[in-house]
Protein backbone atom coordinates (compact mmCIF):
# COMPACT_ATOMS: atom_id res chain seq x y z
CA UNK A 1 1.03 36.61 -39.93
CA UNK A 2 0.14 33.07 -38.61
CA UNK A 3 -0.68 32.90 -35.00
CA UNK A 4 2.06 31.67 -32.71
CA UNK A 5 2.06 27.95 -31.83
CA UNK A 6 0.46 27.21 -28.53
CA UNK A 7 2.92 26.36 -25.67
CA UNK A 8 2.78 22.85 -24.34
CA UNK A 9 1.37 22.60 -20.78
CA UNK A 10 3.14 19.43 -19.85
CA UNK A 11 6.68 18.04 -20.68
CA UNK A 12 7.05 14.31 -20.64
CA UNK A 13 10.32 12.45 -20.35
CA UNK A 14 10.77 8.74 -21.06
CA UNK A 15 8.12 8.70 -23.87
CA UNK A 16 10.04 6.10 -25.88
CA UNK A 17 9.70 3.77 -22.92
CA UNK A 18 6.82 1.69 -21.64
CA UNK A 19 5.72 4.05 -18.81
CA UNK A 20 6.41 7.37 -20.29
CA UNK A 21 4.84 6.21 -23.64
CA UNK A 22 1.67 5.31 -21.89
CA UNK A 23 1.44 8.73 -20.21
CA UNK A 24 2.10 10.57 -23.47
CA UNK A 25 -0.62 8.59 -25.13
CA UNK A 26 -3.09 9.27 -22.36
CA UNK A 27 -2.34 12.92 -22.49
CA UNK A 28 -2.72 13.03 -26.24
CA UNK A 29 -6.11 11.23 -25.90
CA UNK A 30 -7.21 14.02 -23.49
CA UNK A 31 -6.15 16.70 -26.03
CA UNK A 32 -3.32 17.90 -23.96
CA UNK A 33 -0.54 19.92 -25.62
CA UNK A 34 2.74 18.35 -24.60
CA UNK A 35 6.49 18.34 -25.25
CA UNK A 36 8.40 15.15 -25.24
CA UNK A 37 12.09 15.12 -24.15
CA UNK A 38 13.92 12.31 -25.95
CA UNK A 39 17.38 11.18 -26.87
CA UNK A 40 16.31 10.03 -30.46
CA UNK A 41 13.63 11.89 -32.38
CA UNK A 42 13.00 8.92 -34.59
CA UNK A 43 11.86 6.80 -31.63
CA UNK A 44 9.33 9.36 -30.34
CA UNK A 45 5.76 8.28 -30.46
CA UNK A 46 3.79 10.04 -33.19
CA UNK A 47 0.96 11.83 -31.37
CA UNK A 48 -1.22 14.87 -32.02
CA UNK A 49 -0.52 18.28 -30.22
CA UNK A 50 3.07 17.14 -29.52
CA UNK A 51 6.45 18.69 -30.17
CA UNK A 52 9.68 16.69 -29.63
CA UNK A 53 12.94 17.98 -28.48
CA UNK A 54 16.29 16.22 -27.97
CA UNK A 55 17.14 16.86 -24.34
CA UNK A 56 18.90 13.94 -22.64
CA UNK A 57 19.29 14.12 -18.83
CA UNK A 58 23.12 14.67 -19.14
CA UNK A 59 22.75 17.79 -21.31
CA UNK A 60 21.53 20.34 -18.82
CA UNK A 61 21.56 23.25 -21.23
CA UNK A 62 19.30 21.47 -23.66
CA UNK A 63 17.00 20.47 -20.86
CA UNK A 64 16.81 24.04 -19.48
CA UNK A 65 16.07 25.45 -22.96
CA UNK A 66 13.46 22.70 -23.61
CA UNK A 67 11.58 23.22 -20.34
CA UNK A 68 11.55 26.93 -20.34
CA UNK A 69 7.93 28.03 -20.48
CA UNK A 70 6.50 24.56 -19.64
CA UNK A 71 4.75 24.66 -16.25
CA UNK A 72 4.60 20.88 -15.53
CA UNK A 73 7.01 18.14 -16.09
CA UNK A 74 6.84 14.37 -15.79
CA UNK A 75 10.24 13.04 -14.87
CA UNK A 76 10.68 9.25 -15.43
CA UNK A 77 13.85 8.08 -13.84
CA UNK A 78 16.83 7.59 -16.25
CA UNK A 79 18.13 4.26 -17.39
CA UNK A 80 19.86 2.29 -14.69
CA UNK A 81 23.57 3.25 -14.51
CA UNK A 82 26.20 4.11 -11.88
CA UNK A 83 25.81 7.83 -12.58
CA UNK A 84 21.98 7.87 -12.68
CA UNK A 85 21.63 10.03 -9.49
CA UNK A 86 24.07 12.55 -11.01
CA UNK A 87 21.97 12.66 -14.15
CA UNK A 88 18.88 13.25 -12.08
CA UNK A 89 20.37 16.02 -10.22
CA UNK A 90 21.48 17.74 -13.26
CA UNK A 91 17.96 17.44 -14.84
CA UNK A 92 16.34 18.77 -11.63
CA UNK A 93 18.78 21.71 -11.54
CA UNK A 94 18.01 22.51 -15.21
CA UNK A 95 14.22 22.35 -14.47
CA UNK A 96 14.78 24.92 -11.70
CA UNK A 97 16.72 27.14 -14.02
CA UNK A 98 13.94 26.81 -16.62
CA UNK A 99 11.30 28.05 -14.20
CA UNK A 100 9.29 24.81 -14.13
CA UNK A 101 6.31 25.14 -11.77
CA UNK A 102 5.73 21.57 -10.77
CA UNK A 103 7.80 18.35 -11.08
CA UNK A 104 6.18 14.86 -11.06
CA UNK A 105 8.91 12.28 -10.40
CA UNK A 106 8.45 8.62 -10.83
CA UNK A 107 10.15 7.07 -7.70
CA UNK A 108 9.95 3.64 -6.16
CA UNK A 109 8.18 2.24 -3.15
CA UNK A 110 10.17 2.36 -0.02
CA UNK A 111 12.74 4.84 -1.30
CA UNK A 112 15.21 5.33 1.56
CA UNK A 113 18.91 5.70 2.01
CA UNK A 114 19.07 2.19 3.60
CA UNK A 115 16.42 0.49 1.29
CA UNK A 116 17.25 -3.21 0.67
CA UNK A 117 16.61 -2.71 -3.03
CA UNK A 118 19.73 -0.88 -4.12
CA UNK A 119 18.13 1.31 -6.76
CA UNK A 120 15.50 2.55 -4.30
CA UNK A 121 18.41 4.41 -2.69
CA UNK A 122 18.94 6.16 -5.90
CA UNK A 123 15.27 7.32 -5.86
CA UNK A 124 15.62 8.49 -2.31
CA UNK A 125 18.68 10.66 -3.24
CA UNK A 126 16.81 12.08 -6.11
CA UNK A 127 13.69 12.92 -3.97
CA UNK A 128 15.94 14.61 -1.55
CA UNK A 129 17.53 16.79 -4.24
CA UNK A 130 14.03 17.63 -5.51
CA UNK A 131 13.00 18.75 -2.10
CA UNK A 132 16.07 20.82 -1.52
CA UNK A 133 15.56 22.54 -4.95
CA UNK A 134 12.38 24.22 -3.82
CA UNK A 135 10.52 22.88 -6.84
CA UNK A 136 6.67 22.04 -6.10
CA UNK A 137 6.69 18.29 -6.52
CA UNK A 138 4.66 15.08 -6.52
CA UNK A 139 6.42 11.81 -5.96
CA UNK A 140 4.87 8.62 -7.52
CA UNK A 141 6.41 5.63 -5.55
CA UNK A 142 5.40 2.59 -7.51
CA UNK A 143 5.94 -0.99 -6.47
CA UNK A 144 7.51 -3.63 -8.66
CA UNK A 145 5.76 -3.61 -12.04
CA UNK A 146 3.34 -6.62 -12.48
CA UNK A 147 4.14 -6.40 -16.22
CA UNK A 148 7.73 -7.35 -15.50
CA UNK A 149 6.98 -10.54 -13.40
CA UNK A 150 6.62 -13.01 -16.38
CA UNK A 151 10.09 -11.71 -17.53
CA UNK A 152 11.63 -12.84 -14.36
CA UNK A 153 10.91 -16.53 -15.22
CA UNK A 154 13.72 -18.45 -16.72
CA UNK A 155 13.50 -20.39 -20.03
CA UNK A 156 13.14 -23.51 -17.80
CA UNK A 157 9.87 -22.11 -16.42
CA UNK A 158 11.48 -21.39 -12.92
CA UNK A 159 11.04 -18.08 -11.05
CA UNK A 160 14.10 -18.15 -8.84
CA UNK A 161 15.47 -15.76 -6.28
CA UNK A 162 16.14 -15.12 -2.63
CA UNK A 163 12.67 -13.88 -1.75
CA UNK A 164 11.83 -16.46 0.72
CA UNK A 165 8.17 -16.33 1.73
CA UNK A 166 8.06 -12.44 1.36
CA UNK A 167 5.24 -10.84 -0.47
CA UNK A 168 5.04 -8.14 -3.13
CA UNK A 169 2.00 -6.04 -4.13
CA UNK A 170 3.17 -5.64 -7.85
CA UNK A 171 1.47 -2.70 -9.63
CA UNK A 172 0.36 -2.71 -13.34
CA UNK A 173 2.00 -0.04 -15.56
CA UNK A 174 -1.37 1.00 -16.87
CA UNK A 175 -2.39 1.90 -13.39
CA UNK A 176 0.71 3.94 -12.77
CA UNK A 177 0.16 5.74 -16.05
CA UNK A 178 -3.46 6.55 -15.15
CA UNK A 179 -2.41 8.02 -11.91
CA UNK A 180 0.37 9.96 -13.43
CA UNK A 181 -2.04 11.37 -16.00
CA UNK A 182 -4.55 12.38 -13.29
CA UNK A 183 -1.69 14.19 -11.32
CA UNK A 184 -0.24 15.90 -14.41
CA UNK A 185 -3.48 17.37 -15.45
CA UNK A 186 -4.27 18.76 -11.89
CA UNK A 187 -0.86 19.12 -10.30
CA UNK A 188 -1.97 21.68 -7.59
CA UNK A 189 -4.23 19.03 -6.09
CA UNK A 190 -1.17 16.87 -5.43
CA UNK A 191 1.44 19.37 -4.56
CA UNK A 192 3.88 18.15 -1.90
CA UNK A 193 2.43 14.68 -1.78
CA UNK A 194 4.09 11.25 -2.02
CA UNK A 195 1.66 8.72 -3.64
CA UNK A 196 2.40 4.97 -3.04
CA UNK A 197 1.15 2.94 -5.94
CA UNK A 198 0.64 -0.81 -5.55
CA UNK A 199 -1.45 -3.69 -6.71
CA UNK A 200 -4.58 -4.82 -4.92
CA UNK A 201 -2.99 -7.73 -3.17
CA UNK A 202 0.45 -8.90 -1.90
CA UNK A 203 1.52 -12.18 -3.25
CA UNK A 204 4.39 -14.46 -2.54
CA UNK A 205 6.54 -15.42 -5.58
CA UNK A 206 5.16 -18.95 -5.15
CA UNK A 207 1.72 -17.43 -5.59
CA UNK A 208 2.90 -15.25 -8.44
CA UNK A 209 4.37 -18.30 -10.20
CA UNK A 210 1.02 -20.22 -9.81
CA UNK A 211 -0.96 -17.13 -11.12
CA UNK A 212 1.23 -16.89 -14.25
CA UNK A 213 1.10 -20.64 -14.77
CA UNK A 214 -2.68 -20.64 -14.82
CA UNK A 215 -2.99 -17.44 -16.95
CA UNK A 216 -0.47 -18.67 -19.51
CA UNK A 217 -1.00 -22.33 -19.29
CA UNK A 218 2.52 -22.95 -18.74
CA UNK A 219 4.44 -25.03 -16.12
CA UNK A 220 5.95 -22.50 -13.87
CA UNK A 221 7.20 -22.78 -10.32
CA UNK A 222 9.08 -20.72 -7.85
CA UNK A 223 12.47 -21.85 -6.60
CA UNK A 224 13.91 -19.98 -3.45
CA UNK A 225 17.56 -19.29 -3.62
CA UNK A 226 20.13 -18.29 -1.09
CA UNK A 227 21.82 -14.82 -1.77
CA UNK A 228 25.02 -16.63 -2.78
CA UNK A 229 23.09 -18.99 -5.07
CA UNK A 230 21.39 -15.80 -6.60
CA UNK A 231 24.60 -14.13 -7.37
CA UNK A 232 26.07 -17.41 -8.90
CA UNK A 233 23.03 -18.11 -11.04
CA UNK A 234 23.27 -14.60 -12.56
CA UNK A 235 27.16 -14.36 -12.79
CA UNK A 236 27.11 -15.59 -16.43
CA UNK A 237 24.76 -12.85 -17.67
CA UNK A 238 27.52 -10.47 -18.59
CA UNK A 239 26.04 -7.66 -16.56
CA UNK A 240 28.28 -5.57 -14.30
CA UNK A 241 28.49 -6.35 -10.58
CA UNK A 242 26.29 -3.33 -9.65
CA UNK A 243 23.53 -4.39 -11.97
CA UNK A 244 23.64 -8.05 -10.67
CA UNK A 245 23.44 -6.66 -7.09
CA UNK A 246 20.40 -4.63 -8.00
CA UNK A 247 18.63 -7.59 -9.44
CA UNK A 248 19.36 -9.77 -6.43
CA UNK A 249 18.29 -6.97 -4.08
CA UNK A 250 14.86 -6.92 -5.86
CA UNK A 251 14.28 -10.38 -4.28
CA UNK A 252 15.85 -9.60 -0.90
CA UNK A 253 13.63 -6.50 -0.66
CA UNK A 254 10.53 -8.82 -0.99
CA UNK A 255 12.04 -11.14 1.59
CA UNK A 256 12.45 -8.12 3.90
CA UNK A 257 8.85 -7.24 3.52
CA UNK A 258 9.66 -3.95 1.97
CA UNK A 259 7.33 -4.47 -1.10
CA UNK A 260 4.40 -6.01 0.72
CA UNK A 261 2.58 -2.75 1.32
CA UNK A 262 -0.97 -2.60 -0.17
CA UNK A 263 -2.56 0.83 -0.81
CA UNK A 264 -5.88 2.13 -2.08
CA UNK A 265 -4.09 4.97 -4.07
CA UNK A 266 -4.79 3.70 -7.51
CA UNK A 267 -8.51 3.16 -6.85
CA UNK A 268 -8.82 6.41 -4.86
CA UNK A 269 -7.45 8.46 -7.78
CA UNK A 270 -8.71 6.56 -10.73
CA UNK A 271 -12.08 5.57 -9.43
CA UNK A 272 -11.48 1.88 -10.26
CA UNK A 273 -9.84 -1.05 -8.54
CA UNK A 274 -6.16 -1.68 -9.09
CA UNK A 275 -5.34 -4.32 -11.67
CA UNK A 276 -4.38 -7.74 -10.47
CA UNK A 277 -1.29 -9.75 -11.53
CA UNK A 278 -3.72 -12.20 -13.05
CA UNK A 279 -5.32 -9.47 -15.15
CA UNK A 280 -1.96 -8.18 -16.28
CA UNK A 281 -0.76 -11.60 -17.44
CA UNK A 282 -4.10 -12.44 -19.09
CA UNK A 283 -4.01 -9.26 -21.09
CA UNK A 284 -0.44 -9.90 -22.36
CA UNK A 285 -0.99 -13.55 -23.25
């Protein structure tokens, strides 16, 4: 009889996305046997020592069955939606039922019930549910992704929003993935901890615009908006009101100083300096 297949030691959600995919590839490079939880098998990355299971967050029975026997889980937050917290709670409850031993949750910097960034409140509610569940956990609270900053610039070369002179220590997705991989491969060392992941410096959006302009050789500038102007300039996007409010609150959180924190977490865990915005933009140009 053939030997039974080895069980995966880590389950990864979000592997079809930018962050989860980075983590899955890093684990594969280390030779880790892992299980990818996806909505669509066809979109799953093709990696060695990987098995793939269809287990969306809103199907708790599938999640429970898929996570049974897997000791460590990387939980990337679900796609932004009005019921995201409910999906998260369902997933966490299914992980408890499956007997998961450690949950690593990708949260957001400054997660709190009264956070200015509206979606950071979702992360706080999820963190609270995980704490209450009794699951051993590690929270990775990342700042705004440096990789997303160029996408915030309009076709007219203007980075506009109500951020005032506030600063943001945007973090590279590669840095977050490196930290997540280190935690997933040695979860006991990080049990019960909350890791705040930021870039090496806090920049104003005027400075961000200047950095991107220099790295991409484009004419880019920052234009401050009032909150009313920000809602008006995004009203034609076709996005629902809650989504527009989330977008605008990204900038007001910067204005409020809630994303200005700079930590040494990336360097302390990876052994190398955190990546600058300039390096992220140069690498993608």
